[in-house]
Amino acid sequence: MIGRKAPPGRRRIPWGVYLVLLPTFAALAVFAYYPALSGMLHSLYEWRPGFTSPFVGLENYVTMFGDDLWWASFRNIGIIFVWAVTLMWIFPLLAAELVMSLSSERLRFVFRTLLILPLAFPAVVNVLLWQFMYDPRDGVVNSLLRAVGLDGLASNWIGDPDTALTALMTVGFPWVASLPFLVFLSALQNVPAEIYQAAEVDGAGRLRRLWSIDLPMMLRDVKLLLVMAVIAVLQYGMQAHIMTKGGPDNATQVPVLRMLDAAFLDTDWGYAAALGTVLFVLTLAVSVGALLAGRRGGRNARA
């Protein structure tokens, strides 16, 4: 009978919610899970799309262990990761601290909006803009150096193996329009005002407050950012693909680009699938490890 209540002690199954979520799960199955499982399966074959693909077992993975370029690419993402969690976090943290130091809520809103506004622009546009800035002849960087009499410092920034990786990592400077800025700002906004008032009474300066209050209070958020940074670095490739294609002399080669080169340049699709599978497993391991660590930390906090 319509409108009939469920018997006491029994929970009603929210079928409506499941029906609404069904299209989402269907889209995930088709566009996310199926490609991932297909890639894992094809990594066991000498995959030639449209032709007979013989089964080779783990041969593609054995080839990976002898691929010096593949392992060298992990050195580059290691450098990128260290850069990302040091310099690329310092500026957003300082910006968040400066915004929170404003006494006017209206000014906080204005500066917060201005600082995150560049996030509205497509990432590709930002990369193309920096590619133009690095142009060795007409780029903004070299033009400014020549204008102030530092012609000797002008360089082919993304065309020189000695400077290409650093130039890639500098894209987006000062990196304020980013997720770390939003996370740091949100964490600072959640610090109770009473704690700051007590610190002010005790005579704590800005630096002491940052070290003794702000950083400990945002420790959980920093852990989340750390995990997301690892995942982002493992999937890093868009900037390098657009600006350098992994060159010059493989100076900016990263795992994602090595996988794309194996597929589209070497037409070794089975090997590319194996490399993609390894990246997928690494990303999944980091995500699951972070989830388990978060649950363990939550239980310890409740205890």
C-alpha atoms as a PDB file:
ATOM      1  CA  MET A   1       0.000   0.000   0.000  1.00  0.00           C
ATOM      2  CA  ILE A   2       1.391   3.425  -0.964  1.00  0.00           C
ATOM      3  CA  GLY A   3       2.531   5.439   2.031  1.00  0.00           C
ATOM      4  CA  ARG A   4       2.833   2.346   4.205  1.00  0.00           C
ATOM      5  CA  LYS A   5       5.575   2.691   6.815  1.00  0.00           C
ATOM      6  CA  ALA A   6       8.380   0.175   7.126  1.00  0.00           C
ATOM      7  CA  PRO A   7       8.140  -2.212  10.109  1.00  0.00           C
ATOM      8  CA  PRO A   8      10.039  -1.057  13.215  1.00  0.00           C
ATOM      9  CA  GLY A   9      13.653  -2.220  13.263  1.00  0.00           C
ATOM     10  CA  ARG A  10      13.906  -2.473   9.472  1.00  0.00           C
ATOM     11  CA  ARG A  11      15.553   0.198   7.355  1.00  0.00           C
ATOM     12  CA  ARG A  12      13.963   1.137   4.075  1.00  0.00           C
ATOM     13  CA  ILE A  13      16.236   0.671   1.066  1.00  0.00           C
ATOM     14  CA  PRO A  14      16.625   4.030  -0.748  1.00  0.00           C
ATOM     15  CA  TRP A  15      15.985   2.610  -4.212  1.00  0.00           C
ATOM     16  CA  GLY A  16      15.531   6.077  -5.631  1.00  0.00           C
ATOM     17  CA  VAL A  17      19.095   7.031  -4.692  1.00  0.00           C
ATOM     18  CA  TYR A  18      20.480   3.888  -6.342  1.00  0.00           C
ATOM     19  CA  LEU A  19      18.510   4.586  -9.503  1.00  0.00           C
ATOM     20  CA  VAL A  20      19.882   8.122  -9.669  1.00  0.00           C
ATOM     21  CA  LEU A  21      23.453   6.841  -9.178  1.00  0.00           C
ATOM     22  CA  LEU A  22      23.059   4.054 -11.738  1.00  0.00           C
ATOM     23  CA  PRO A  23      23.884   6.222 -14.810  1.00  0.00           C
ATOM     24  CA  THR A  24      27.012   7.492 -13.051  1.00  0.00           C
ATOM     25  CA  PHE A  25      28.222   3.971 -12.300  1.00  0.00           C
ATOM     26  CA  ALA A  26      27.406   2.924 -15.863  1.00  0.00           C
ATOM     27  CA  ALA A  27      29.504   5.797 -17.242  1.00  0.00           C
ATOM     28  CA  LEU A  28      32.369   4.896 -14.899  1.00  0.00           C
ATOM     29  CA  ALA A  29      32.206   1.269 -16.010  1.00  0.00           C
ATOM     30  CA  VAL A  30      32.359   2.191 -19.700  1.00  0.00           C
ATOM     31  CA  PHE A  31      34.845   5.083 -19.631  1.00  0.00           C
ATOM     32  CA  ALA A  32      37.043   4.281 -16.596  1.00  0.00           C
ATOM     33  CA  TYR A  33      36.935   0.662 -15.415  1.00  0.00           C
ATOM     34  CA  TYR A  34      36.723  -1.012 -18.825  1.00  0.00           C
ATOM     35  CA  PRO A  35      39.706   0.885 -20.337  1.00  0.00           C
ATOM     36  CA  ALA A  36      41.793   0.139 -17.239  1.00  0.00           C
ATOM     37  CA  LEU A  37      40.977  -3.580 -17.288  1.00  0.00           C
ATOM     38  CA  SER A  38      41.467  -3.700 -21.051  1.00  0.00           C
ATOM     39  CA  GLY A  39      44.907  -2.135 -20.699  1.00  0.00           C
ATOM     40  CA  MET A  40      45.904  -4.683 -18.064  1.00  0.00           C
ATOM     41  CA  LEU A  41      44.755  -7.535 -20.286  1.00  0.00           C
ATOM     42  CA  HIS A  42      46.491  -6.225 -23.419  1.00  0.00           C
ATOM     43  CA  SER A  43      49.752  -5.755 -21.496  1.00  0.00           C
ATOM     44  CA  LEU A  44      50.061  -9.551 -21.675  1.00  0.00           C
ATOM     45  CA  TYR A  45      49.958  -9.515 -25.484  1.00  0.00           C
ATOM     46  CA  GLU A  46      52.035  -8.200 -28.331  1.00  0.00           C
ATOM     47  CA  TRP A  47      49.095  -5.953 -28.967  1.00  0.00           C
ATOM     48  CA  ARG A  48      48.544  -4.850 -32.555  1.00  0.00           C
ATOM     49  CA  PRO A  49      45.103  -3.215 -32.843  1.00  0.00           C
ATOM     50  CA  GLY A  50      43.227  -4.612 -35.820  1.00  0.00           C
ATOM     51  CA  PHE A  51      45.643  -7.527 -36.292  1.00  0.00           C
ATOM     52  CA  THR A  52      46.453 -10.810 -34.586  1.00  0.00           C
ATOM     53  CA  SER A  53      47.969 -10.151 -31.174  1.00  0.00           C
ATOM     54  CA  PRO A  54      49.985 -13.114 -29.836  1.00  0.00           C
ATOM     55  CA  PHE A  55      50.054 -13.796 -26.107  1.00  0.00           C
ATOM     56  CA  VAL A  56      53.492 -13.011 -24.594  1.00  0.00           C
ATOM     57  CA  GLY A  57      52.734 -13.284 -20.870  1.00  0.00           C
ATOM     58  CA  LEU A  58      55.003 -11.095 -18.730  1.00  0.00           C
ATOM     59  CA  GLU A  59      57.456 -10.354 -21.530  1.00  0.00           C
ATOM     60  CA  ASN A  60      56.436  -6.692 -21.708  1.00  0.00           C
ATOM     61  CA  TYR A  61      57.109  -6.306 -17.996  1.00  0.00           C
ATOM     62  CA  VAL A  62      60.505  -7.982 -18.354  1.00  0.00           C
ATOM     63  CA  THR A  63      61.299  -5.481 -21.127  1.00  0.00           C
ATOM     64  CA  MET A  64      60.346  -2.650 -18.784  1.00  0.00           C
ATOM     65  CA  PHE A  65      63.076  -3.631 -16.297  1.00  0.00           C
ATOM     66  CA  GLY A  66      65.690  -3.115 -19.004  1.00  0.00           C
ATOM     67  CA  ASP A  67      64.257   0.195 -20.226  1.00  0.00           C
ATOM     68  CA  ASP A  68      66.782   2.767 -19.008  1.00  0.00           C
ATOM     69  CA  LEU A  69      64.684   5.658 -20.305  1.00  0.00           C
ATOM     70  CA  TRP A  70      61.685   4.466 -18.276  1.00  0.00           C
ATOM     71  CA  TRP A  71      63.663   4.407 -15.026  1.00  0.00           C
ATOM     72  CA  ALA A  72      65.376   7.703 -15.810  1.00  0.00           C
ATOM     73  CA  SER A  73      61.938   9.276 -16.145  1.00  0.00           C
ATOM     74  CA  PHE A  74      61.250   8.445 -12.479  1.00  0.00           C
ATOM     75  CA  ARG A  75      64.291  10.486 -11.522  1.00  0.00           C
ATOM     76  CA  ASN A  76      62.679  13.495 -13.182  1.00  0.00           C
ATOM     77  CA  ILE A  77      59.342  13.071 -11.426  1.00  0.00           C
ATOM     78  CA  GLY A  78      61.242  12.667  -8.153  1.00  0.00           C
ATOM     79  CA  ILE A  79      62.782  16.089  -8.732  1.00  0.00           C
ATOM     80  CA  ILE A  80      59.364  17.484  -9.706  1.00  0.00           C
ATOM     81  CA  PHE A  81      57.810  16.052  -6.520  1.00  0.00           C
ATOM     82  CA  VAL A  82      60.437  17.636  -4.247  1.00  0.00           C
ATOM     83  CA  TRP A  83      59.974  20.949  -6.064  1.00  0.00           C
ATOM     84  CA  ALA A  84      56.184  20.673  -5.758  1.00  0.00           C
ATOM     85  CA  VAL A  85      56.081  20.088  -1.991  1.00  0.00           C
ATOM     86  CA  THR A  86      58.671  22.746  -1.159  1.00  0.00           C
ATOM     87  CA  LEU A  87      58.772  25.855  -3.333  1.00  0.00           C
ATOM     88  CA  MET A  88      55.323  25.299  -4.849  1.00  0.00           C
ATOM     89  CA  TRP A  89      53.779  25.084  -1.375  1.00  0.00           C
ATOM     90  CA  ILE A  90      55.667  27.948   0.272  1.00  0.00           C
ATOM     91  CA  PHE A  91      54.145  30.694  -1.868  1.00  0.00           C
ATOM     92  CA  PRO A  92      50.516  29.484  -1.498  1.00  0.00           C
ATOM     93  CA  LEU A  93      51.048  29.156   2.271  1.00  0.00           C
ATOM     94  CA  LEU A  94      52.426  32.690   2.529  1.00  0.00           C
ATOM     95  CA  ALA A  95      49.561  34.005   0.389  1.00  0.00           C
ATOM     96  CA  ALA A  96      47.001  32.266   2.622  1.00  0.00           C
ATOM     97  CA  GLU A  97      48.666  33.742   5.723  1.00  0.00           C
ATOM     98  CA  LEU A  98      48.621  37.229   4.203  1.00  0.00           C
ATOM     99  CA  VAL A  99      44.952  36.967   3.250  1.00  0.00           C
ATOM    100  CA  MET A 100      44.028  35.816   6.755  1.00  0.00           C
ATOM    101  CA  SER A 101      46.011  38.691   8.271  1.00  0.00           C
ATOM    102  CA  LEU A 102      43.607  41.200   6.705  1.00  0.00           C
ATOM    103  CA  SER A 103      41.187  42.578   9.253  1.00  0.00           C
ATOM    104  CA  SER A 104      38.402  43.332   6.764  1.00  0.00           C
ATOM    105  CA  GLU A 105      36.241  40.421   5.614  1.00  0.00           C
ATOM    106  CA  ARG A 106      35.491  42.308   2.414  1.00  0.00           C
ATOM    107  CA  LEU A 107      39.188  42.681   1.618  1.00  0.00           C
ATOM    108  CA  ARG A 108      39.724  38.985   2.357  1.00  0.00           C
ATOM    109  CA  PHE A 109      37.012  38.101  -0.127  1.00  0.00           C
ATOM    110  CA  VAL A 110      38.430  40.432  -2.797  1.00  0.00           C
ATOM    111  CA  PHE A 111      42.013  39.196  -2.512  1.00  0.00           C
ATOM    112  CA  ARG A 112      40.940  35.552  -2.236  1.00  0.00           C
ATOM    113  CA  THR A 113      38.922  35.929  -5.438  1.00  0.00           C
ATOM    114  CA  LEU A 114      41.739  37.662  -7.283  1.00  0.00           C
ATOM    115  CA  LEU A 115      44.274  35.031  -6.250  1.00  0.00           C
ATOM    116  CA  ILE A 116      42.194  32.044  -7.344  1.00  0.00           C
ATOM    117  CA  LEU A 117      40.731  33.668 -10.478  1.00  0.00           C
ATOM    118  CA  PRO A 118      43.447  32.178 -12.767  1.00  0.00           C
ATOM    119  CA  LEU A 119      42.071  28.720 -11.919  1.00  0.00           C
ATOM    120  CA  ALA A 120      39.169  29.548 -14.225  1.00  0.00           C
ATOM    121  CA  PHE A 121      41.467  29.536 -17.250  1.00  0.00           C
ATOM    122  CA  PRO A 122      42.192  26.205 -18.980  1.00  0.00           C
ATOM    123  CA  ALA A 123      45.517  24.668 -17.974  1.00  0.00           C
ATOM    124  CA  VAL A 124      46.505  24.299 -21.640  1.00  0.00           C
ATOM    125  CA  VAL A 125      46.193  28.062 -22.150  1.00  0.00           C
ATOM    126  CA  ASN A 126      48.487  28.661 -19.190  1.00  0.00           C
ATOM    127  CA  VAL A 127      51.095  26.232 -20.561  1.00  0.00           C
ATOM    128  CA  LEU A 128      50.983  27.771 -24.044  1.00  0.00           C
ATOM    129  CA  LEU A 129      51.403  31.227 -22.529  1.00  0.00           C
ATOM    130  CA  TRP A 130      54.520  30.125 -20.658  1.00  0.00           C
ATOM    131  CA  GLN A 131      55.844  28.441 -23.784  1.00  0.00           C
ATOM    132  CA  PHE A 132      55.666  31.818 -25.516  1.00  0.00           C
ATOM    133  CA  MET A 133      57.324  33.505 -22.517  1.00  0.00           C
ATOM    134  CA  TYR A 134      60.254  31.081 -22.817  1.00  0.00           C
ATOM    135  CA  ASP A 135      60.760  31.762 -26.546  1.00  0.00           C
ATOM    136  CA  PRO A 136      64.520  32.303 -26.966  1.00  0.00           C
ATOM    137  CA  ARG A 137      64.140  35.263 -29.347  1.00  0.00           C
ATOM    138  CA  ASP A 138      60.912  37.112 -28.556  1.00  0.00           C
ATOM    139  CA  GLY A 139      59.940  35.589 -25.198  1.00  0.00           C
ATOM    140  CA  VAL A 140      59.097  37.762 -22.205  1.00  0.00           C
ATOM    141  CA  VAL A 141      61.772  36.196 -19.987  1.00  0.00           C
ATOM    142  CA  ASN A 142      64.693  36.878 -22.323  1.00  0.00           C
ATOM    143  CA  SER A 143      63.305  40.280 -23.310  1.00  0.00           C
ATOM    144  CA  LEU A 144      63.241  41.361 -19.655  1.00  0.00           C
ATOM    145  CA  LEU A 145      66.783  40.094 -19.099  1.00  0.00           C
ATOM    146  CA  ARG A 146      68.041  42.033 -22.110  1.00  0.00           C
ATOM    147  CA  ALA A 147      66.121  45.148 -21.046  1.00  0.00           C
ATOM    148  CA  VAL A 148      67.963  45.253 -17.693  1.00  0.00           C
ATOM    149  CA  GLY A 149      71.353  44.549 -19.259  1.00  0.00           C
ATOM    150  CA  LEU A 150      71.574  40.850 -18.365  1.00  0.00           C
ATOM    151  CA  ASP A 151      71.942  39.589 -21.909  1.00  0.00           C
ATOM    152  CA  GLY A 152      74.368  36.916 -20.755  1.00  0.00           C
ATOM    153  CA  LEU A 153      71.623  35.199 -18.749  1.00  0.00           C
ATOM    154  CA  ALA A 154      69.267  34.916 -21.732  1.00  0.00           C
ATOM    155  CA  SER A 155      68.873  31.304 -22.780  1.00  0.00           C
ATOM    156  CA  ASN A 156      66.848  28.838 -24.789  1.00  0.00           C
ATOM    157  CA  TRP A 157      65.094  27.822 -21.601  1.00  0.00           C
ATOM    158  CA  ILE A 158      63.134  24.805 -22.828  1.00  0.00           C
ATOM    159  CA  GLY A 159      65.583  23.942 -25.587  1.00  0.00           C
ATOM    160  CA  ASP A 160      68.634  23.501 -23.337  1.00  0.00           C
ATOM    161  CA  PRO A 161      68.933  20.166 -21.459  1.00  0.00           C
ATOM    162  CA  ASP A 162      70.455  22.020 -18.489  1.00  0.00           C
ATOM    163  CA  THR A 163      67.489  24.355 -18.002  1.00  0.00           C
ATOM    164  CA  ALA A 164      64.503  22.571 -19.589  1.00  0.00           C
ATOM    165  CA  LEU A 165      63.302  20.699 -16.495  1.00  0.00           C
ATOM    166  CA  THR A 166      63.630  23.754 -14.245  1.00  0.00           C
ATOM    167  CA  ALA A 167      61.762  25.828 -16.820  1.00  0.00           C
ATOM    168  CA  LEU A 168      58.923  23.292 -16.842  1.00  0.00           C
ATOM    169  CA  MET A 169      58.683  23.296 -13.054  1.00  0.00           C
ATOM    170  CA  THR A 170      58.594  27.104 -12.978  1.00  0.00           C
ATOM    171  CA  VAL A 171      55.432  27.215 -15.100  1.00  0.00           C
ATOM    172  CA  GLY A 172      52.662  28.947 -13.157  1.00  0.00           C
ATOM    173  CA  PHE A 173      54.965  30.931 -10.843  1.00  0.00           C
ATOM    174  CA  PRO A 174      54.192  31.973  -8.108  1.00  0.00           C
ATOM    175  CA  TRP A 175      51.797  28.992  -7.977  1.00  0.00           C
ATOM    176  CA  VAL A 176      49.248  30.782  -5.791  1.00  0.00           C
ATOM    177  CA  ALA A 177      46.260  29.994  -8.011  1.00  0.00           C
ATOM    178  CA  SER A 178      46.306  26.349  -6.984  1.00  0.00           C
ATOM    179  CA  LEU A 179      44.703  23.724  -4.793  1.00  0.00           C
ATOM    180  CA  PRO A 180      47.327  24.117  -2.005  1.00  0.00           C
ATOM    181  CA  PHE A 181      46.337  27.774  -1.586  1.00  0.00           C
ATOM    182  CA  LEU A 182      42.670  26.858  -1.188  1.00  0.00           C
ATOM    183  CA  VAL A 183      43.493  24.047   1.262  1.00  0.00           C
ATOM    184  CA  PHE A 184      45.806  26.224   3.365  1.00  0.00           C
ATOM    185  CA  LEU A 185      43.302  29.072   3.405  1.00  0.00           C
ATOM    186  CA  SER A 186      40.460  26.742   4.410  1.00  0.00           C
ATOM    187  CA  ALA A 187      42.567  25.254   7.213  1.00  0.00           C
ATOM    188  CA  LEU A 188      43.448  28.700   8.560  1.00  0.00           C
ATOM    189  CA  GLN A 189      39.811  29.774   8.467  1.00  0.00           C
ATOM    190  CA  ASN A 190      38.909  26.791  10.647  1.00  0.00           C
ATOM    191  CA  VAL A 191      41.358  27.711  13.419  1.00  0.00           C
ATOM    192  CA  PRO A 192      39.292  28.994  16.394  1.00  0.00           C
ATOM    193  CA  ALA A 193      39.745  32.723  16.951  1.00  0.00           C
ATOM    194  CA  GLU A 194      40.255  32.068  20.693  1.00  0.00           C
ATOM    195  CA  ILE A 195      43.573  30.341  19.955  1.00  0.00           C
ATOM    196  CA  TYR A 196      44.879  33.389  18.088  1.00  0.00           C
ATOM    197  CA  GLN A 197      43.681  35.673  20.863  1.00  0.00           C
ATOM    198  CA  ALA A 198      45.493  33.603  23.470  1.00  0.00           C
ATOM    199  CA  ALA A 199      48.660  33.635  21.355  1.00  0.00           C
ATOM    200  CA  GLU A 200      48.424  37.407  21.040  1.00  0.00           C
ATOM    201  CA  VAL A 201      48.081  37.769  24.805  1.00  0.00           C
ATOM    202  CA  ASP A 202      51.196  35.593  25.236  1.00  0.00           C
ATOM    203  CA  GLY A 203      53.083  37.900  22.900  1.00  0.00           C
ATOM    204  CA  ALA A 204      53.562  35.371  20.083  1.00  0.00           C
ATOM    205  CA  GLY A 205      54.764  36.977  16.868  1.00  0.00           C
ATOM    206  CA  ARG A 206      53.684  36.120  13.335  1.00  0.00           C
ATOM    207  CA  LEU A 207      56.478  33.608  12.786  1.00  0.00           C
ATOM    208  CA  ARG A 208      55.919  31.889  16.131  1.00  0.00           C
ATOM    209  CA  ARG A 209      52.186  31.698  15.467  1.00  0.00           C
ATOM    210  CA  LEU A 210      52.847  30.127  12.079  1.00  0.00           C
ATOM    211  CA  TRP A 211      55.172  27.495  13.554  1.00  0.00           C
ATOM    212  CA  SER A 212      53.276  26.710  16.778  1.00  0.00           C
ATOM    213  CA  ILE A 213      49.634  27.111  15.721  1.00  0.00           C
ATOM    214  CA  ASP A 214      49.014  27.255  11.977  1.00  0.00           C
ATOM    215  CA  LEU A 215      51.235  24.399  10.805  1.00  0.00           C
ATOM    216  CA  PRO A 216      50.133  21.913  13.525  1.00  0.00           C
ATOM    217  CA  MET A 217      46.478  22.781  12.914  1.00  0.00           C
ATOM    218  CA  MET A 218      46.748  22.116   9.189  1.00  0.00           C
ATOM    219  CA  LEU A 219      48.753  18.891   9.533  1.00  0.00           C
ATOM    220  CA  ARG A 220      45.851  16.719   8.346  1.00  0.00           C
ATOM    221  CA  ASP A 221      45.377  18.938   5.303  1.00  0.00           C
ATOM    222  CA  VAL A 222      49.103  18.749   4.519  1.00  0.00           C
ATOM    223  CA  LYS A 223      48.912  14.940   4.586  1.00  0.00           C
ATOM    224  CA  LEU A 224      46.060  15.069   2.072  1.00  0.00           C
ATOM    225  CA  LEU A 225      48.017  17.448  -0.159  1.00  0.00           C
ATOM    226  CA  LEU A 226      51.052  15.167   0.070  1.00  0.00           C
ATOM    227  CA  VAL A 227      49.080  12.175  -1.193  1.00  0.00           C
ATOM    228  CA  MET A 228      47.511  14.228  -3.971  1.00  0.00           C
ATOM    229  CA  ALA A 229      50.962  15.521  -4.942  1.00  0.00           C
ATOM    230  CA  VAL A 230      52.271  11.960  -5.314  1.00  0.00           C
ATOM    231  CA  ILE A 231      49.304  11.017  -7.501  1.00  0.00           C
ATOM    232  CA  ALA A 232      49.621  14.196  -9.592  1.00  0.00           C
ATOM    233  CA  VAL A 233      53.342  13.628 -10.141  1.00  0.00           C
ATOM    234  CA  LEU A 234      52.772  10.029 -11.251  1.00  0.00           C
ATOM    235  CA  GLN A 235      50.270  11.359 -13.807  1.00  0.00           C
ATOM    236  CA  TYR A 236      52.381  14.381 -14.789  1.00  0.00           C
ATOM    237  CA  GLY A 237      52.841  14.780 -18.500  1.00  0.00           C
ATOM    238  CA  MET A 238      50.612  17.430 -20.059  1.00  0.00           C
ATOM    239  CA  GLN A 239      53.047  20.334 -19.629  1.00  0.00           C
ATOM    240  CA  ALA A 240      56.040  18.317 -20.805  1.00  0.00           C
ATOM    241  CA  HIS A 241      54.120  16.973 -23.798  1.00  0.00           C
ATOM    242  CA  ILE A 242      53.089  20.431 -24.982  1.00  0.00           C
ATOM    243  CA  MET A 243      56.332  22.288 -24.306  1.00  0.00           C
ATOM    244  CA  THR A 244      59.184  19.799 -24.795  1.00  0.00           C
ATOM    245  CA  LYS A 245      57.833  16.369 -25.868  1.00  0.00           C
ATOM    246  CA  GLY A 246      60.242  14.923 -23.286  1.00  0.00           C
ATOM    247  CA  GLY A 247      63.306  16.611 -24.782  1.00  0.00           C
ATOM    248  CA  PRO A 248      65.769  17.996 -25.304  1.00  0.00           C
ATOM    249  CA  ASP A 249      67.917  14.878 -25.029  1.00  0.00           C
ATOM    250  CA  ASN A 250      65.215  13.300 -22.781  1.00  0.00           C
ATOM    251  CA  ALA A 251      65.936  15.916 -20.106  1.00  0.00           C
ATOM    252  CA  THR A 252      62.200  16.289 -19.370  1.00  0.00           C
ATOM    253  CA  GLN A 253      61.146  12.706 -19.958  1.00  0.00           C
ATOM    254  CA  VAL A 254      58.495  11.463 -17.485  1.00  0.00           C
ATOM    255  CA  PRO A 255      56.722   8.079 -17.193  1.00  0.00           C
ATOM    256  CA  VAL A 256      53.522   9.236 -18.913  1.00  0.00           C
ATOM    257  CA  LEU A 257      55.482  10.529 -21.903  1.00  0.00           C
ATOM    258  CA  ARG A 258      57.522   7.317 -22.061  1.00  0.00           C
ATOM    259  CA  MET A 259      54.260   5.381 -22.215  1.00  0.00           C
ATOM    260  CA  LEU A 260      52.910   7.622 -25.002  1.00  0.00           C
ATOM    261  CA  ASP A 261      56.161   7.334 -26.962  1.00  0.00           C
ATOM    262  CA  ALA A 262      56.046   3.536 -26.712  1.00  0.00           C
ATOM    263  CA  ALA A 263      52.510   3.570 -28.095  1.00  0.00           C
ATOM    264  CA  PHE A 264      52.564   6.260 -30.778  1.00  0.00           C
ATOM    265  CA  LEU A 265      56.217   6.452 -31.815  1.00  0.00           C
ATOM    266  CA  ASP A 266      57.359   2.856 -31.349  1.00  0.00           C
ATOM    267  CA  THR A 267      53.835   1.450 -32.047  1.00  0.00           C
ATOM    268  CA  ASP A 268      54.513  -1.073 -29.269  1.00  0.00           C
ATOM    269  CA  TRP A 269      50.996  -0.999 -27.835  1.00  0.00           C
ATOM    270  CA  GLY A 270      51.415  -4.017 -25.592  1.00  0.00           C
ATOM    271  CA  TYR A 271      54.494  -2.519 -23.942  1.00  0.00           C
ATOM    272  CA  ALA A 272      52.720   0.836 -23.565  1.00  0.00           C
ATOM    273  CA  ALA A 273      49.827  -0.997 -21.882  1.00  0.00           C
ATOM    274  CA  ALA A 274      52.303  -2.602 -19.473  1.00  0.00           C
ATOM    275  CA  LEU A 275      53.785   0.795 -18.582  1.00  0.00           C
ATOM    276  CA  GLY A 276      50.287   2.206 -18.099  1.00  0.00           C
ATOM    277  CA  THR A 277      49.384  -0.730 -15.860  1.00  0.00           C
ATOM    278  CA  VAL A 278      52.425  -0.097 -13.663  1.00  0.00           C
ATOM    279  CA  LEU A 279      51.492   3.583 -13.317  1.00  0.00           C
ATOM    280  CA  PHE A 280      47.914   2.593 -12.489  1.00  0.00           C
ATOM    281  CA  VAL A 281      49.068   0.146  -9.791  1.00  0.00           C
ATOM    282  CA  LEU A 282      51.405   2.738  -8.269  1.00  0.00           C
ATOM    283  CA  THR A 283      48.649   5.354  -8.186  1.00  0.00           C
ATOM    284  CA  LEU A 284      46.177   2.870  -6.717  1.00  0.00           C
ATOM    285  CA  ALA A 285      48.693   1.789  -4.060  1.00  0.00           C
ATOM    286  CA  VAL A 286      49.250   5.396  -2.979  1.00  0.00           C
ATOM    287  CA  SER A 287      45.499   6.067  -2.831  1.00  0.00           C
ATOM    288  CA  VAL A 288      44.678   2.906  -0.847  1.00  0.00           C
ATOM    289  CA  GLY A 289      47.636   3.482   1.475  1.00  0.00           C
ATOM    290  CA  ALA A 290      46.444   7.019   2.180  1.00  0.00           C
ATOM    291  CA  LEU A 291      42.898   5.780   2.819  1.00  0.00           C
ATOM    292  CA  LEU A 292      44.067   3.125   5.280  1.00  0.00           C
ATOM    293  CA  ALA A 293      46.398   5.574   7.011  1.00  0.00           C
ATOM    294  CA  GLY A 294      43.540   8.069   7.345  1.00  0.00           C
ATOM    295  CA  ARG A 295      41.249   5.469   8.911  1.00  0.00           C
ATOM    296  CA  ARG A 296      43.974   4.353  11.306  1.00  0.00           C
ATOM    297  CA  GLY A 297      44.657   7.951  12.257  1.00  0.00           C
ATOM    298  CA  GLY A 298      40.931   8.539  12.836  1.00  0.00           C
ATOM    299  CA  ARG A 299      40.667   5.519  15.136  1.00  0.00           C
ATOM    300  CA  ASN A 300      43.716   6.622  17.102  1.00  0.00           C
ATOM    301  CA  ALA A 301      42.273  10.121  17.480  1.00  0.00           C
ATOM    302  CA  ARG A 302      38.983   8.721  18.814  1.00  0.00           C
ATOM    303  CA  ALA A 303      40.845   6.421  21.168  1.00  0.00           C
END
